[in-house]
Amino acid sequence: FLGFGGSFTESSADLFHRMEPDMQERVLQAYFSQDKGLAYNWGRVHMGSCDFSKGNWSCVEENDEKLKTFSIERYQRSILPMLHKTQRVMQRGASANKTLPKLPKLQLLASPWSPPGWMKDNQRMLNGGALLPQFRQSWAEHFVHFAEAFHSEGLPLWGFTVQNEPRAATPWENCLYTAEEERDFVRDHLGPALAASGLDLKLLIWDHNRDSMFLRAHTIYSDPEAAKYVWGTGYHWYGDTRYEFWPAREGMLVFDNVRKVHELWPEKHIIMTESCQESGPRIGDWKLGERYAEAIIQDLENWLEAWIDWNLILDETGGPNHVQNLVSAPIIYDTARDKLVFLSSFYYIGHFSRYIVPGAQRIAVATNRDALKATAFRNPAESGGALVLVVLNQEDYNIKFWLKLDGQSAETEIPARSITTYRFHHGVNVHAM
């Protein structure tokens, strides 16, 4: 397992810099402290603007095919300072946590929402449109420029996704790719450009929902010349009719697609690259946390290797968002009251991220009741080697059950509508969280 994280959007970073220093510290400690917080070690950034930005913008000026005007000045205003402060918090927390074998590194994944409008067939960053063939190489070199600029700031990128949500024509920034177009762009332009950069950048395809991830992976992985540049598949969690108004009524969750992608291409990797609850901040909504826990368990059991949430911070409206696509975040900054609100999603994520450390290996776990969902990992020996079991109960009643491990057993009970994390040290000494 590789870890958990969240996204440094322009909206989150701008809100962060409106806070007093002690509140900023509290937010970063809550997410990234390796001894006091959620122990996040991943971050995602948007390359160019997204809906959680102040309007449309890109890193190059109009019609600059040679990228001579390329600049990340926009990031230097708020996103980069927040990233630098995050690094310092991670290092301080790691120094205090004696079980960590080495200082953690912030793994940064970058994703484009849209090329500059002049590179697209609709001449806009919004409402769909596709990358024009004559700009494919220039757009690929843009990725390299972006990685080089972040590297020069002391923030080397782990890698990229090819395109955020390549099938979504939305009112905010997007760019459409068929499976064949994404394959060809990776094979002929982006893959070679990243490989030639010398920056050891990983590349994820798809970066959209589970429903079509198998088809997209099949198309790209079936071409060896494209597949050799691809580290793995990224996906989003959207499409649950219980929580969203837009999915087909027959359901679009298809958790099994994550497992099927792994089974056909076990040498490739899988990362969940975006999750949030739509339609506002959802303050006080306990089902929000349950949704996170159910999805994390299902995906971990299907070979997921890392989980990256969407915005780290939003305001009390679920924004700012330049097209009013308001959503939730685990921490809400109530700007009217100058107060932080920690949602149920924050605490439910913590039941996994605080105890399953990078380098952990998933181990087999089974339940004999449909109402109990569970996943289990063995942490690496250098981090203590604990066995971690997370159990979720979404029912309205308590459930008693027996934990069985290595021929020993213990009776326990999980309360109604709750989540429990068990840690086993040196055999079967159990600590419930």
Foldseek 3Di string as FASTA:
>chain_A
DAFEAAEQAQLLQVVLVVADPVVNLVLLCQGCQLARHLNGQEYEYEQFHWQQHDDGDHQADPPPLVRPSGDPVVCVVTRLVSVVVSLVNQQVNVVVQQLDPDRGHRAYEYAYAADQLVQFPVSHQAQETAGDPVSLQSVLVSQLVVQVVCVVSVHHHQAYEHHAQQPDRHRIGHYHDDLVRSLCSQLPHNLVNVVVSPRNHAYAYDNEALQCQLVSLCSNCVDVSNVVSHQAYEYEQDWAVVQDPPHDPVTRRPLCSLLVSCVVPVNHAYEHAEYFGWDWACAPPLVRQVVLLVSVLSNVVSHHQYYYYYRSEEERGQGDGNVSRRTHHQWYQDPVVRDIGGGSNRVSSSLDSSPADGPWAWDDDDDPDPQKGKTWTFHDVSSQRKIKMKIFGAAQAKDWDWDDDPHDIDIDIDGHGDMWMWIAHPGRPIDID
